[in-house]
Amino acid sequence: NPAWICQRYKNQYNFATLYDRDLRIPVYSAYIYQPGLGNRSSLWFVEPQLINPAYSKDMDTETSISNQYKITPQQIGQSQAISQDYKNLQGLDRGHLSPSGHQSGNNSKWATFTLTNIVPQNSTLNKGQWKDYENQTMAQKTQGCTTTYVITGAVPGNTYISNKRVNVPSHIWSAACCQTNTIMKTWAVIAENSNNHVQNLTLAQLEANLSQLYGKGQVSLFHSACP
């Protein structure tokens, strides 16, 4: 029961997410890497369009949606994860697939704070090697790139939080394809969501890994122009 979400905040589209309504986590988020200045959001958002296709396409807070559409947080939670699901986490963080640090300007950064872009991520990994990959490795690898396309995803695991409402992924992965003046170049990583270790892979290696992990046929992440 997937939902394709064009992530919109304050009437501006920022990135795309494939969301699994049953597991209440994203399958992946896809975005253009453009790190810049701006602040993190203090608020978390949810998606009115998942509650009812007739509702707003703009992400909003649970309070605002509850007031506007006269519904309860529990009703919002039927279609997606809500803030209550992420209370009292032990050893887990709210892990962004499309990270705020890869966006520029307050609105684009804040748009990543929708719970449809979040998975329960191992705290040590999120604050450790995954953070190093997001901040340092990505900055190094994108030198000379004019545009960098990124897909970051999660493989569903066997455990859940919040009374089996929200799945805890077994793996978190990311792949990038960048346009330089001469060629397209790609790279990829995967991490078990239980260890503070990020494994560097080629795009082809990641796709082969994901084909096995998902068990749903051949996984192809980018246009064939990305080698």
N, C-alpha and C. Protein backbone atom coordinates (compact mmCIF):
# COMPACT_ATOMS: atom_id res chain seq x y z
N ASN A 1 0.83 -1.21 0.00
CA ASN A 1 0.00 0.00 0.00
C ASN A 1 0.87 1.26 0.00
N PRO A 2 1.63 1.46 -1.08
CA PRO A 2 2.59 2.59 -1.07
C PRO A 2 1.93 3.91 -1.42
N ALA A 3 2.55 4.98 -0.96
CA ALA A 3 2.11 6.33 -1.32
C ALA A 3 3.30 7.08 -1.90
N TRP A 4 3.10 7.66 -3.09
CA TRP A 4 4.13 8.51 -3.69
C TRP A 4 3.86 9.94 -3.24
N ILE A 5 4.80 10.52 -2.51
CA ILE A 5 4.60 11.86 -1.95
C ILE A 5 5.57 12.85 -2.57
N CYS A 6 5.03 13.91 -3.15
CA CYS A 6 5.86 15.05 -3.54
C CYS A 6 5.88 15.97 -2.33
N GLN A 7 7.00 16.02 -1.64
CA GLN A 7 7.06 16.68 -0.33
C GLN A 7 6.98 18.19 -0.49
N ARG A 8 5.85 18.74 -0.07
CA ARG A 8 5.59 20.16 -0.26
C ARG A 8 5.46 20.87 1.08
N TYR A 9 6.16 21.99 1.21
CA TYR A 9 6.08 22.80 2.42
C TYR A 9 5.94 24.25 2.01
N LYS A 10 4.94 24.93 2.59
CA LYS A 10 4.66 26.32 2.24
C LYS A 10 4.59 26.51 0.72
N ASN A 11 3.83 25.62 0.08
CA ASN A 11 3.54 25.72 -1.35
C ASN A 11 4.77 25.56 -2.24
N GLN A 12 5.81 24.90 -1.73
CA GLN A 12 7.02 24.69 -2.53
C GLN A 12 7.43 23.22 -2.44
N TYR A 13 7.66 22.59 -3.59
CA TYR A 13 8.09 21.19 -3.61
C TYR A 13 9.58 21.11 -3.31
N ASN A 14 9.98 20.11 -2.50
CA ASN A 14 11.37 20.01 -2.08
C ASN A 14 12.05 18.68 -2.44
N PHE A 15 11.35 17.58 -2.23
CA PHE A 15 11.92 16.28 -2.57
C PHE A 15 10.79 15.27 -2.69
N ALA A 16 11.11 14.03 -3.02
CA ALA A 16 10.08 13.01 -3.24
C ALA A 16 10.30 11.83 -2.31
N THR A 17 9.20 11.22 -1.86
CA THR A 17 9.28 10.07 -0.96
C THR A 17 8.32 8.98 -1.41
N LEU A 18 8.80 7.74 -1.39
CA LEU A 18 7.90 6.59 -1.52
C LEU A 18 7.65 6.09 -0.11
N TYR A 19 6.39 6.12 0.32
CA TYR A 19 6.05 5.85 1.72
C TYR A 19 5.24 4.57 1.84
N ASP A 20 5.62 3.73 2.79
CA ASP A 20 4.89 2.49 3.06
C ASP A 20 3.89 2.74 4.19
N ARG A 21 2.61 2.84 3.84
CA ARG A 21 1.59 3.16 4.85
C ARG A 21 1.42 2.06 5.89
N ASP A 22 1.69 0.81 5.49
CA ASP A 22 1.50 -0.31 6.41
C ASP A 22 2.60 -0.37 7.46
N LEU A 23 3.85 -0.19 7.02
CA LEU A 23 4.99 -0.22 7.95
C LEU A 23 5.23 1.15 8.59
N ARG A 24 4.58 2.17 8.02
CA ARG A 24 4.69 3.56 8.50
C ARG A 24 6.12 4.08 8.51
N ILE A 25 6.86 3.68 7.48
CA ILE A 25 8.19 4.27 7.25
C ILE A 25 8.35 4.51 5.74
N PRO A 26 9.24 5.43 5.37
CA PRO A 26 9.53 5.61 3.95
C PRO A 26 10.32 4.43 3.40
N VAL A 27 10.08 4.10 2.13
CA VAL A 27 10.92 3.14 1.41
C VAL A 27 12.20 3.86 0.98
N TYR A 28 12.01 5.06 0.44
CA TYR A 28 13.16 5.91 0.12
C TYR A 28 12.71 7.36 0.00
N SER A 29 13.67 8.27 0.09
CA SER A 29 13.46 9.67 -0.29
C SER A 29 14.50 10.02 -1.34
N ALA A 30 14.08 10.78 -2.35
CA ALA A 30 14.96 11.18 -3.45
C ALA A 30 15.04 12.69 -3.49
N TYR A 31 16.27 13.21 -3.62
CA TYR A 31 16.43 14.67 -3.55
C TYR A 31 17.68 15.10 -4.30
N ILE A 32 17.79 16.39 -4.52
CA ILE A 32 19.01 16.97 -5.10
C ILE A 32 19.84 17.53 -3.95
N TYR A 33 21.12 17.17 -3.95
CA TYR A 33 22.04 17.59 -2.88
C TYR A 33 22.41 19.06 -3.08
N GLN A 34 21.97 19.92 -2.15
CA GLN A 34 22.32 21.34 -2.24
C GLN A 34 22.47 21.92 -0.84
N PRO A 35 23.56 21.54 -0.14
CA PRO A 35 23.73 21.99 1.24
C PRO A 35 23.94 23.49 1.32
N GLY A 36 23.41 24.10 2.36
CA GLY A 36 23.58 25.54 2.52
C GLY A 36 23.14 25.98 3.90
N LEU A 37 23.04 27.28 4.07
CA LEU A 37 22.71 27.84 5.38
C LEU A 37 21.23 27.69 5.70
N GLY A 38 20.92 27.79 6.98
CA GLY A 38 19.53 27.68 7.42
C GLY A 38 19.48 26.95 8.75
N ASN A 39 18.32 26.97 9.38
CA ASN A 39 18.16 26.36 10.70
C ASN A 39 17.39 25.05 10.61
N ARG A 40 17.61 24.20 11.62
CA ARG A 40 16.79 23.00 11.75
C ARG A 40 15.41 23.40 12.26
N SER A 41 14.43 22.56 12.00
CA SER A 41 13.06 22.85 12.46
C SER A 41 12.87 22.36 13.89
N SER A 42 12.11 23.10 14.66
CA SER A 42 11.78 22.63 16.01
C SER A 42 10.46 21.86 15.99
N LEU A 43 9.75 21.94 14.87
CA LEU A 43 8.45 21.25 14.74
C LEU A 43 8.60 20.02 13.85
N TRP A 44 7.68 19.07 14.04
CA TRP A 44 7.60 17.90 13.15
C TRP A 44 6.28 17.96 12.41
N PHE A 45 6.32 17.49 11.16
CA PHE A 45 5.14 17.57 10.30
C PHE A 45 4.62 16.19 9.92
N VAL A 46 3.35 16.16 9.50
CA VAL A 46 2.75 14.96 8.92
C VAL A 46 2.05 15.36 7.63
N GLU A 47 1.49 14.36 6.93
CA GLU A 47 0.96 14.60 5.59
C GLU A 47 -0.56 14.52 5.54
N PRO A 48 -1.24 15.67 5.39
CA PRO A 48 -2.70 15.66 5.28
C PRO A 48 -3.19 14.79 4.11
N GLN A 49 -2.44 14.78 2.99
CA GLN A 49 -2.89 14.05 1.79
C GLN A 49 -2.94 12.53 2.02
N LEU A 50 -2.23 12.02 3.02
CA LEU A 50 -2.32 10.59 3.32
C LEU A 50 -3.59 10.27 4.10
N ILE A 51 -4.08 11.23 4.86
CA ILE A 51 -5.31 11.03 5.64
C ILE A 51 -6.50 10.98 4.68
N ASN A 52 -6.48 11.90 3.73
CA ASN A 52 -7.57 12.02 2.75
C ASN A 52 -7.01 12.73 1.52
N PRO A 53 -7.14 12.13 0.33
CA PRO A 53 -6.59 12.75 -0.88
C PRO A 53 -7.12 14.15 -1.14
N ALA A 54 -8.27 14.48 -0.57
CA ALA A 54 -8.86 15.81 -0.78
C ALA A 54 -8.20 16.87 0.11
N TYR A 55 -7.46 16.42 1.12
CA TYR A 55 -6.83 17.38 2.04
C TYR A 55 -5.61 18.04 1.38
N SER A 56 -5.08 19.04 2.06
CA SER A 56 -3.97 19.84 1.53
C SER A 56 -2.75 18.99 1.16
N LYS A 57 -2.02 19.43 0.13
CA LYS A 57 -0.79 18.76 -0.29
C LYS A 57 0.40 19.26 0.53
N ASP A 58 0.19 20.31 1.32
CA ASP A 58 1.27 20.86 2.15
C ASP A 58 1.37 20.10 3.47
N MET A 59 2.59 19.67 3.83
CA MET A 59 2.78 19.07 5.16
C MET A 59 2.43 20.10 6.23
N ASP A 60 2.02 19.61 7.40
CA ASP A 60 1.61 20.53 8.47
C ASP A 60 1.77 19.81 9.81
N THR A 61 1.62 20.56 10.90
CA THR A 61 1.72 19.94 12.22
C THR A 61 0.44 19.19 12.55
N GLU A 62 0.56 18.21 13.44
CA GLU A 62 -0.62 17.44 13.86
C GLU A 62 -1.67 18.35 14.49
N THR A 63 -1.22 19.31 15.29
CA THR A 63 -2.16 20.23 15.95
C THR A 63 -2.96 21.02 14.93
N SER A 64 -2.25 21.56 13.96
CA SER A 64 -2.90 22.36 12.93
C SER A 64 -3.90 21.53 12.12
N ILE A 65 -3.51 20.30 11.76
CA ILE A 65 -4.39 19.42 10.97
C ILE A 65 -5.60 19.00 11.80
N SER A 66 -5.36 18.68 13.08
CA SER A 66 -6.48 18.29 13.96
C SER A 66 -7.51 19.40 14.05
N ASN A 67 -7.02 20.64 14.17
CA ASN A 67 -7.93 21.78 14.26
C ASN A 67 -8.65 22.05 12.95
N GLN A 68 -7.89 21.99 11.84
CA GLN A 68 -8.47 22.35 10.55
C GLN A 68 -9.52 21.34 10.09
N TYR A 69 -9.23 20.04 10.26
CA TYR A 69 -10.12 19.01 9.72
C TYR A 69 -10.96 18.34 10.81
N LYS A 70 -10.83 18.83 12.06
CA LYS A 70 -11.62 18.29 13.18
C LYS A 70 -11.42 16.78 13.33
N ILE A 71 -10.15 16.37 13.35
CA ILE A 71 -9.85 14.95 13.54
C ILE A 71 -8.84 14.80 14.69
N THR A 72 -8.73 13.59 15.21
CA THR A 72 -7.83 13.33 16.35
C THR A 72 -6.47 12.87 15.83
N PRO A 73 -5.42 12.98 16.67
CA PRO A 73 -4.11 12.42 16.29
C PRO A 73 -4.21 10.93 15.93
N GLN A 74 -5.09 10.20 16.64
CA GLN A 74 -5.25 8.77 16.34
C GLN A 74 -5.76 8.56 14.91
N GLN A 75 -6.64 9.45 14.46
CA GLN A 75 -7.13 9.35 13.08
C GLN A 75 -6.01 9.66 12.08
N ILE A 76 -5.19 10.63 12.42
CA ILE A 76 -4.02 10.92 11.56
C ILE A 76 -3.12 9.68 11.51
N GLY A 77 -2.96 9.03 12.67
CA GLY A 77 -2.05 7.90 12.79
C GLY A 77 -2.49 6.64 12.07
N GLN A 78 -3.72 6.62 11.57
CA GLN A 78 -4.15 5.44 10.80
C GLN A 78 -3.39 5.34 9.48
N SER A 79 -2.98 6.47 8.93
CA SER A 79 -2.36 6.46 7.60
C SER A 79 -0.85 6.65 7.64
N GLN A 80 -0.28 6.96 8.82
CA GLN A 80 1.14 7.32 8.88
C GLN A 80 1.62 7.36 10.33
N ALA A 81 2.93 7.51 10.48
CA ALA A 81 3.50 7.66 11.82
C ALA A 81 3.19 9.06 12.35
N ILE A 82 3.00 9.16 13.66
CA ILE A 82 2.76 10.45 14.30
C ILE A 82 3.79 10.63 15.43
N SER A 83 3.86 11.84 15.97
CA SER A 83 4.89 12.15 16.98
C SER A 83 4.86 11.17 18.15
N GLN A 84 3.67 10.77 18.56
CA GLN A 84 3.53 9.83 19.68
C GLN A 84 4.32 8.54 19.45
N ASP A 85 4.41 8.10 18.19
CA ASP A 85 5.13 6.86 17.87
C ASP A 85 6.62 6.97 18.20
N TYR A 86 7.14 8.18 18.15
CA TYR A 86 8.58 8.39 18.34
C TYR A 86 8.92 8.90 19.74
N LYS A 87 7.95 8.84 20.66
CA LYS A 87 8.24 9.18 22.06
C LYS A 87 8.90 7.98 22.73
N ASN A 88 9.70 8.22 23.74
CA ASN A 88 10.30 7.15 24.55
C ASN A 88 11.12 6.15 23.74
N LEU A 89 11.87 6.64 22.76
CA LEU A 89 12.74 5.74 22.00
C LEU A 89 13.93 5.33 22.86
N GLN A 90 14.35 4.08 22.72
CA GLN A 90 15.53 3.60 23.45
C GLN A 90 16.56 3.09 22.45
N GLY A 91 17.69 3.79 22.38
CA GLY A 91 18.76 3.40 21.46
C GLY A 91 18.45 3.71 20.01
N LEU A 92 17.38 4.46 19.77
CA LEU A 92 16.99 4.82 18.41
C LEU A 92 16.76 6.33 18.31
N ASP A 93 17.03 6.88 17.13
CA ASP A 93 16.76 8.29 16.84
C ASP A 93 15.73 8.40 15.73
N ARG A 94 15.21 9.61 15.55
CA ARG A 94 14.42 9.90 14.34
C ARG A 94 15.43 10.15 13.23
N GLY A 95 15.62 9.18 12.37
CA GLY A 95 16.64 9.28 11.32
C GLY A 95 16.06 9.82 10.02
N HIS A 96 16.60 10.93 9.55
CA HIS A 96 16.16 11.52 8.27
C HIS A 96 16.72 10.70 7.10
N LEU A 97 15.88 10.39 6.11
CA LEU A 97 16.42 9.83 4.86
C LEU A 97 16.92 10.96 3.97
N SER A 98 16.10 11.99 3.77
CA SER A 98 16.57 13.22 3.12
C SER A 98 16.95 14.17 4.26
N PRO A 99 18.27 14.36 4.50
CA PRO A 99 18.68 15.11 5.70
C PRO A 99 18.58 16.62 5.51
N SER A 100 18.28 17.32 6.59
CA SER A 100 18.15 18.78 6.51
C SER A 100 19.48 19.41 6.09
N GLY A 101 20.59 18.78 6.47
CA GLY A 101 21.91 19.33 6.14
C GLY A 101 22.24 19.32 4.66
N HIS A 102 21.47 18.58 3.86
CA HIS A 102 21.71 18.53 2.42
C HIS A 102 20.80 19.50 1.67
N GLN A 103 20.10 20.36 2.41
CA GLN A 103 19.22 21.35 1.79
C GLN A 103 19.70 22.75 2.16
N SER A 104 19.19 23.73 1.45
CA SER A 104 19.60 25.11 1.66
C SER A 104 18.39 25.99 1.95
N GLY A 105 18.50 26.83 2.98
CA GLY A 105 17.40 27.73 3.33
C GLY A 105 16.43 27.09 4.30
N ASN A 106 15.83 27.89 5.16
CA ASN A 106 14.96 27.36 6.20
C ASN A 106 13.84 26.47 5.68
N ASN A 107 13.10 26.94 4.66
CA ASN A 107 11.93 26.17 4.21
C ASN A 107 12.32 24.80 3.67
N SER A 108 13.40 24.73 2.89
CA SER A 108 13.83 23.44 2.33
C SER A 108 14.34 22.52 3.43
N LYS A 109 15.02 23.09 4.42
CA LYS A 109 15.50 22.28 5.54
C LYS A 109 14.32 21.78 6.37
N TRP A 110 13.36 22.68 6.64
CA TRP A 110 12.23 22.31 7.49
C TRP A 110 11.35 21.26 6.82
N ALA A 111 11.31 21.26 5.50
CA ALA A 111 10.50 20.27 4.78
C ALA A 111 10.97 18.84 5.04
N THR A 112 12.24 18.67 5.46
CA THR A 112 12.73 17.31 5.75
C THR A 112 12.23 16.80 7.10
N PHE A 113 11.57 17.67 7.87
CA PHE A 113 11.08 17.27 9.19
C PHE A 113 9.65 16.74 9.14
N THR A 114 9.29 16.11 8.03
CA THR A 114 8.03 15.37 7.97
C THR A 114 8.32 13.94 8.43
N LEU A 115 7.42 13.39 9.24
CA LEU A 115 7.64 12.02 9.73
C LEU A 115 7.59 10.99 8.62
N THR A 116 7.10 11.36 7.44
CA THR A 116 7.13 10.43 6.30
C THR A 116 8.54 10.31 5.72
N ASN A 117 9.48 11.13 6.19
CA ASN A 117 10.89 11.09 5.76
C ASN A 117 11.78 10.49 6.86
N ILE A 118 11.15 9.92 7.90
CA ILE A 118 11.88 9.49 9.10
C ILE A 118 11.76 7.98 9.30
N VAL A 119 12.88 7.36 9.72
CA VAL A 119 12.87 5.96 10.16
C VAL A 119 13.50 5.89 11.55
N PRO A 120 13.11 4.89 12.35
CA PRO A 120 13.82 4.68 13.62
C PRO A 120 15.24 4.18 13.30
N GLN A 121 16.22 5.03 13.57
CA GLN A 121 17.61 4.73 13.22
C GLN A 121 18.44 4.54 14.48
N ASN A 122 19.29 3.52 14.46
CA ASN A 122 20.21 3.26 15.56
C ASN A 122 20.94 4.55 15.94
N SER A 123 20.85 4.95 17.21
CA SER A 123 21.39 6.24 17.66
C SER A 123 22.89 6.37 17.40
N THR A 124 23.63 5.29 17.70
CA THR A 124 25.08 5.34 17.53
C THR A 124 25.45 5.52 16.07
N LEU A 125 24.71 4.85 15.19
CA LEU A 125 24.94 4.98 13.75
C LEU A 125 24.57 6.39 13.27
N ASN A 126 23.41 6.87 13.70
CA ASN A 126 22.92 8.18 13.28
C ASN A 126 23.87 9.30 13.68
N LYS A 127 24.45 9.18 14.88
CA LYS A 127 25.35 10.22 15.38
C LYS A 127 26.81 9.91 15.04
N GLY A 128 27.05 8.74 14.45
CA GLY A 128 28.42 8.29 14.18
C GLY A 128 28.75 8.25 12.71
N GLN A 129 28.94 7.03 12.18
CA GLN A 129 29.43 6.89 10.80
C GLN A 129 28.43 7.40 9.76
N TRP A 130 27.12 7.29 10.05
CA TRP A 130 26.14 7.80 9.07
C TRP A 130 26.24 9.32 8.97
N LYS A 131 26.40 9.96 10.11
CA LYS A 131 26.57 11.42 10.14
C LYS A 131 27.85 11.82 9.40
N ASP A 132 28.93 11.05 9.60
CA ASP A 132 30.18 11.33 8.90
C ASP A 132 29.98 11.21 7.39
N TYR A 133 29.22 10.18 6.98
CA TYR A 133 28.95 10.02 5.55
C TYR A 133 28.17 11.23 5.01
N GLU A 134 27.11 11.60 5.73
CA GLU A 134 26.27 12.72 5.27
C GLU A 134 27.06 14.03 5.20
N ASN A 135 27.89 14.27 6.20
CA ASN A 135 28.56 15.58 6.29
C ASN A 135 29.89 15.63 5.55
N GLN A 136 30.78 14.65 5.83
CA GLN A 136 32.13 14.74 5.25
C GLN A 136 32.25 14.03 3.91
N THR A 137 31.85 12.74 3.88
CA THR A 137 32.03 11.96 2.65
C THR A 137 31.28 12.59 1.48
N MET A 138 30.03 12.99 1.71
CA MET A 138 29.25 13.59 0.62
C MET A 138 29.90 14.88 0.11
N ALA A 139 30.45 15.68 1.02
CA ALA A 139 31.11 16.92 0.60
C ALA A 139 32.34 16.62 -0.25
N GLN A 140 33.09 15.57 0.13
CA GLN A 140 34.28 15.19 -0.65
C GLN A 140 33.90 14.62 -2.01
N LYS A 141 32.93 13.70 -1.99
CA LYS A 141 32.58 12.99 -3.23
C LYS A 141 31.94 13.92 -4.26
N THR A 142 31.28 14.98 -3.80
CA THR A 142 30.57 15.86 -4.74
C THR A 142 31.44 16.99 -5.29
N GLN A 143 32.73 16.99 -4.95
CA GLN A 143 33.64 18.00 -5.51
C GLN A 143 33.63 17.85 -7.03
N GLY A 144 33.43 18.94 -7.73
CA GLY A 144 33.42 18.89 -9.20
C GLY A 144 32.07 18.51 -9.79
N CYS A 145 31.08 18.25 -8.94
CA CYS A 145 29.75 17.90 -9.44
C CYS A 145 28.94 19.18 -9.65
N THR A 146 28.24 19.25 -10.78
CA THR A 146 27.35 20.39 -10.99
C THR A 146 25.98 20.13 -10.37
N THR A 147 25.46 18.91 -10.55
CA THR A 147 24.21 18.50 -9.90
C THR A 147 24.38 17.09 -9.36
N THR A 148 23.95 16.87 -8.12
CA THR A 148 24.06 15.54 -7.51
C THR A 148 22.67 15.07 -7.08
N TYR A 149 22.26 13.92 -7.65
CA TYR A 149 20.97 13.32 -7.33
C TYR A 149 21.19 12.22 -6.30
N VAL A 150 20.36 12.20 -5.26
CA VAL A 150 20.55 11.24 -4.17
C VAL A 150 19.25 10.48 -3.91
N ILE A 151 19.39 9.17 -3.67
CA ILE A 151 18.27 8.36 -3.19
C ILE A 151 18.74 7.68 -1.91
N THR A 152 18.02 7.89 -0.83
CA THR A 152 18.36 7.25 0.44
C THR A 152 17.15 6.45 0.91
N GLY A 153 17.39 5.20 1.29
CA GLY A 153 16.27 4.33 1.61
C GLY A 153 16.51 3.44 2.81
N ALA A 154 15.50 2.65 3.13
CA ALA A 154 15.54 1.76 4.29
C ALA A 154 14.93 0.41 3.92
N VAL A 155 15.58 -0.65 4.38
CA VAL A 155 15.05 -2.01 4.18
C VAL A 155 14.28 -2.40 5.44
N PRO A 156 13.01 -2.77 5.31
CA PRO A 156 12.22 -3.13 6.50
C PRO A 156 12.87 -4.25 7.31
N GLY A 157 12.75 -4.16 8.63
CA GLY A 157 13.31 -5.18 9.51
C GLY A 157 12.22 -6.01 10.17
N ASN A 158 12.61 -6.76 11.19
CA ASN A 158 11.67 -7.67 11.86
C ASN A 158 11.15 -7.11 13.18
N THR A 159 11.61 -5.91 13.55
CA THR A 159 11.16 -5.35 14.83
C THR A 159 10.39 -4.05 14.60
N TYR A 160 9.66 -3.66 15.63
CA TYR A 160 8.79 -2.48 15.54
C TYR A 160 8.91 -1.65 16.81
N ILE A 161 8.47 -0.39 16.71
CA ILE A 161 8.29 0.44 17.89
C ILE A 161 6.80 0.80 17.99
N SER A 162 6.42 1.37 19.13
CA SER A 162 5.07 1.91 19.31
C SER A 162 3.98 0.86 19.07
N ASN A 163 4.05 -0.22 19.86
CA ASN A 163 3.03 -1.28 19.76
C ASN A 163 2.87 -1.80 18.33
N LYS A 164 4.01 -2.09 17.70
CA LYS A 164 4.03 -2.67 16.34
C LYS A 164 3.46 -1.74 15.29
N ARG A 165 3.45 -0.44 15.56
CA ARG A 165 2.92 0.49 14.56
C ARG A 165 3.97 0.89 13.53
N VAL A 166 5.22 1.06 13.97
CA VAL A 166 6.26 1.60 13.09
C VAL A 166 7.42 0.62 12.99
N ASN A 167 7.76 0.24 11.77
CA ASN A 167 8.83 -0.72 11.55
C ASN A 167 10.21 -0.11 11.82
N VAL A 168 11.10 -0.94 12.34
CA VAL A 168 12.51 -0.54 12.50
C VAL A 168 13.31 -1.20 11.38
N PRO A 169 13.90 -0.41 10.47
CA PRO A 169 14.60 -1.00 9.32
C PRO A 169 15.79 -1.86 9.74
N SER A 170 16.09 -2.87 8.91
CA SER A 170 17.28 -3.69 9.14
C SER A 170 18.52 -3.02 8.56
N HIS A 171 18.33 -2.29 7.45
CA HIS A 171 19.45 -1.60 6.79
C HIS A 171 19.01 -0.21 6.33
N ILE A 172 19.98 0.70 6.27
CA ILE A 172 19.76 2.02 5.68
C ILE A 172 20.82 2.19 4.59
N TRP A 173 20.41 2.71 3.45
CA TRP A 173 21.32 2.79 2.32
C TRP A 173 21.19 4.13 1.61
N SER A 174 22.19 4.46 0.81
CA SER A 174 22.11 5.70 0.04
C SER A 174 22.93 5.55 -1.23
N ALA A 175 22.46 6.16 -2.30
CA ALA A 175 23.18 6.16 -3.58
C ALA A 175 23.13 7.54 -4.18
N ALA A 176 24.20 7.91 -4.88
CA ALA A 176 24.26 9.24 -5.50
C ALA A 176 24.74 9.11 -6.94
N CYS A 177 24.20 9.98 -7.79
CA CYS A 177 24.64 10.09 -9.18
C CYS A 177 24.90 11.56 -9.44
N CYS A 178 26.13 11.88 -9.87
CA CYS A 178 26.45 13.29 -10.04
C CYS A 178 26.92 13.58 -11.44
N GLN A 179 26.46 14.72 -11.91
CA GLN A 179 26.82 15.23 -13.23
C GLN A 179 28.05 16.13 -13.06
N THR A 180 29.15 15.75 -13.71
CA THR A 180 30.30 16.67 -13.75
C THR A 180 30.33 17.27 -15.14
N ASN A 181 31.33 18.09 -15.41
CA ASN A 181 31.41 18.71 -16.74
C ASN A 181 31.66 17.68 -17.83
N THR A 182 32.23 16.54 -17.46
CA THR A 182 32.60 15.55 -18.48
C THR A 182 31.81 14.25 -18.37
N ILE A 183 31.61 13.75 -17.15
CA ILE A 183 31.00 12.42 -16.99
C ILE A 183 29.92 12.42 -15.91
N MET A 184 29.18 11.32 -15.85
CA MET A 184 28.31 11.06 -14.69
C MET A 184 29.08 10.12 -13.78
N LYS A 185 29.13 10.39 -12.49
CA LYS A 185 29.77 9.44 -11.58
C LYS A 185 28.81 9.05 -10.47
N THR A 186 29.00 7.84 -9.94
CA THR A 186 28.08 7.32 -8.93
C THR A 186 28.86 6.73 -7.76
N TRP A 187 28.19 6.66 -6.61
CA TRP A 187 28.74 5.95 -5.45
C TRP A 187 27.57 5.55 -4.57
N ALA A 188 27.85 4.68 -3.59
CA ALA A 188 26.76 4.17 -2.75
C ALA A 188 27.31 3.67 -1.41
N VAL A 189 26.40 3.59 -0.44
CA VAL A 189 26.74 3.03 0.88
C VAL A 189 25.55 2.25 1.43
N ILE A 190 25.86 1.35 2.36
CA ILE A 190 24.80 0.66 3.10
C ILE A 190 25.28 0.47 4.54
N ALA A 191 24.34 0.44 5.47
CA ALA A 191 24.68 0.22 6.88
C ALA A 191 23.62 -0.67 7.51
N GLU A 192 24.06 -1.65 8.30
CA GLU A 192 23.10 -2.38 9.12
C GLU A 192 22.62 -1.43 10.21
N ASN A 193 21.32 -1.44 10.46
CA ASN A 193 20.75 -0.49 11.42
C ASN A 193 20.91 -0.96 12.87
N SER A 194 22.02 -1.68 13.10
CA SER A 194 22.30 -2.16 14.46
C SER A 194 23.76 -1.90 14.82
N ASN A 195 24.55 -1.50 13.82
CA ASN A 195 25.98 -1.27 14.03
C ASN A 195 26.38 0.10 13.54
N ASN A 196 27.41 0.66 14.15
CA ASN A 196 27.94 1.95 13.71
C ASN A 196 28.99 1.70 12.63
N HIS A 197 28.54 1.17 11.49
CA HIS A 197 29.48 0.90 10.39
C HIS A 197 28.80 1.16 9.05
N VAL A 198 29.41 2.03 8.24
CA VAL A 198 28.89 2.33 6.90
C VAL A 198 29.82 1.69 5.88
N GLN A 199 29.26 0.87 5.01
CA GLN A 199 30.05 0.16 4.00
C GLN A 199 29.96 0.89 2.67
N ASN A 200 31.13 1.21 2.09
CA ASN A 200 31.17 1.87 0.78
C ASN A 200 31.03 0.83 -0.32
N LEU A 201 30.17 1.13 -1.30
CA LEU A 201 29.91 0.20 -2.41
C LEU A 201 29.87 0.97 -3.73
N THR A 202 29.97 0.22 -4.82
CA THR A 202 29.63 0.82 -6.11
C THR A 202 28.10 0.80 -6.22
N LEU A 203 27.58 1.57 -7.16
CA LEU A 203 26.13 1.58 -7.37
C LEU A 203 25.64 0.17 -7.72
N ALA A 204 26.38 -0.52 -8.59
CA ALA A 204 25.98 -1.87 -9.01
C ALA A 204 25.96 -2.83 -7.82
N GLN A 205 26.95 -2.70 -6.93
CA GLN A 205 26.99 -3.57 -5.74
C GLN A 205 25.78 -3.31 -4.84
N LEU A 206 25.45 -2.03 -4.65
CA LEU A 206 24.29 -1.71 -3.81
C LEU A 206 23.02 -2.27 -4.44
N GLU A 207 22.86 -2.08 -5.74
CA GLU A 207 21.64 -2.57 -6.41
C GLU A 207 21.52 -4.09 -6.27
N ALA A 208 22.65 -4.80 -6.38
CA ALA A 208 22.64 -6.26 -6.22
C ALA A 208 22.26 -6.63 -4.78
N ASN A 209 22.83 -5.90 -3.82
CA ASN A 209 22.50 -6.12 -2.40
C ASN A 209 21.02 -5.91 -2.14
N LEU A 210 20.49 -4.80 -2.66
CA LEU A 210 19.08 -4.46 -2.41
C LEU A 210 18.15 -5.47 -3.08
N SER A 211 18.54 -5.95 -4.26
CA SER A 211 17.72 -6.96 -4.94
C SER A 211 17.55 -8.18 -4.05
N GLN A 212 18.65 -8.56 -3.37
CA GLN A 212 18.59 -9.70 -2.44
C GLN A 212 17.79 -9.36 -1.18
N LEU A 213 18.08 -8.20 -0.60
CA LEU A 213 17.45 -7.83 0.68
C LEU A 213 15.94 -7.64 0.54
N TYR A 214 15.52 -6.98 -0.54
CA TYR A 214 14.08 -6.74 -0.74
C TYR A 214 13.38 -7.98 -1.28
N GLY A 215 14.12 -8.79 -2.07
CA GLY A 215 13.55 -10.01 -2.62
C GLY A 215 12.39 -9.78 -3.55
N LYS A 216 12.42 -8.65 -4.27
CA LYS A 216 11.31 -8.33 -5.18
C LYS A 216 11.80 -8.04 -6.58
N GLY A 217 12.81 -8.79 -7.02
CA GLY A 217 13.32 -8.58 -8.38
C GLY A 217 14.46 -7.58 -8.41
N GLN A 218 14.92 -7.32 -9.63
CA GLN A 218 16.09 -6.47 -9.84
C GLN A 218 15.81 -5.02 -9.45
N VAL A 219 16.67 -4.47 -8.59
CA VAL A 219 16.54 -3.07 -8.17
C VAL A 219 17.42 -2.20 -9.06
N SER A 220 16.82 -1.17 -9.64
CA SER A 220 17.57 -0.19 -10.44
C SER A 220 17.23 1.19 -9.92
N LEU A 221 18.24 1.91 -9.43
CA LEU A 221 17.97 3.16 -8.71
C LEU A 221 17.96 4.40 -9.58
N PHE A 222 18.80 4.42 -10.62
CA PHE A 222 18.92 5.64 -11.42
C PHE A 222 18.68 5.35 -12.90
N HIS A 223 18.52 6.42 -13.65
CA HIS A 223 18.48 6.39 -15.11
C HIS A 223 19.75 5.70 -15.62
N SER A 224 19.65 5.02 -16.75
CA SER A 224 20.79 4.25 -17.26
C SER A 224 22.01 5.12 -17.57
N ALA A 225 21.83 6.45 -17.67
CA ALA A 225 22.98 7.33 -17.91
C ALA A 225 23.92 7.37 -16.70
N CYS A 226 23.41 6.97 -15.52
CA CYS A 226 24.27 6.89 -14.33
C CYS A 226 24.90 5.50 -14.31
N PRO A 227 26.24 5.43 -14.47
CA PRO A 227 26.89 4.11 -14.63
C PRO A 227 26.87 3.28 -13.34
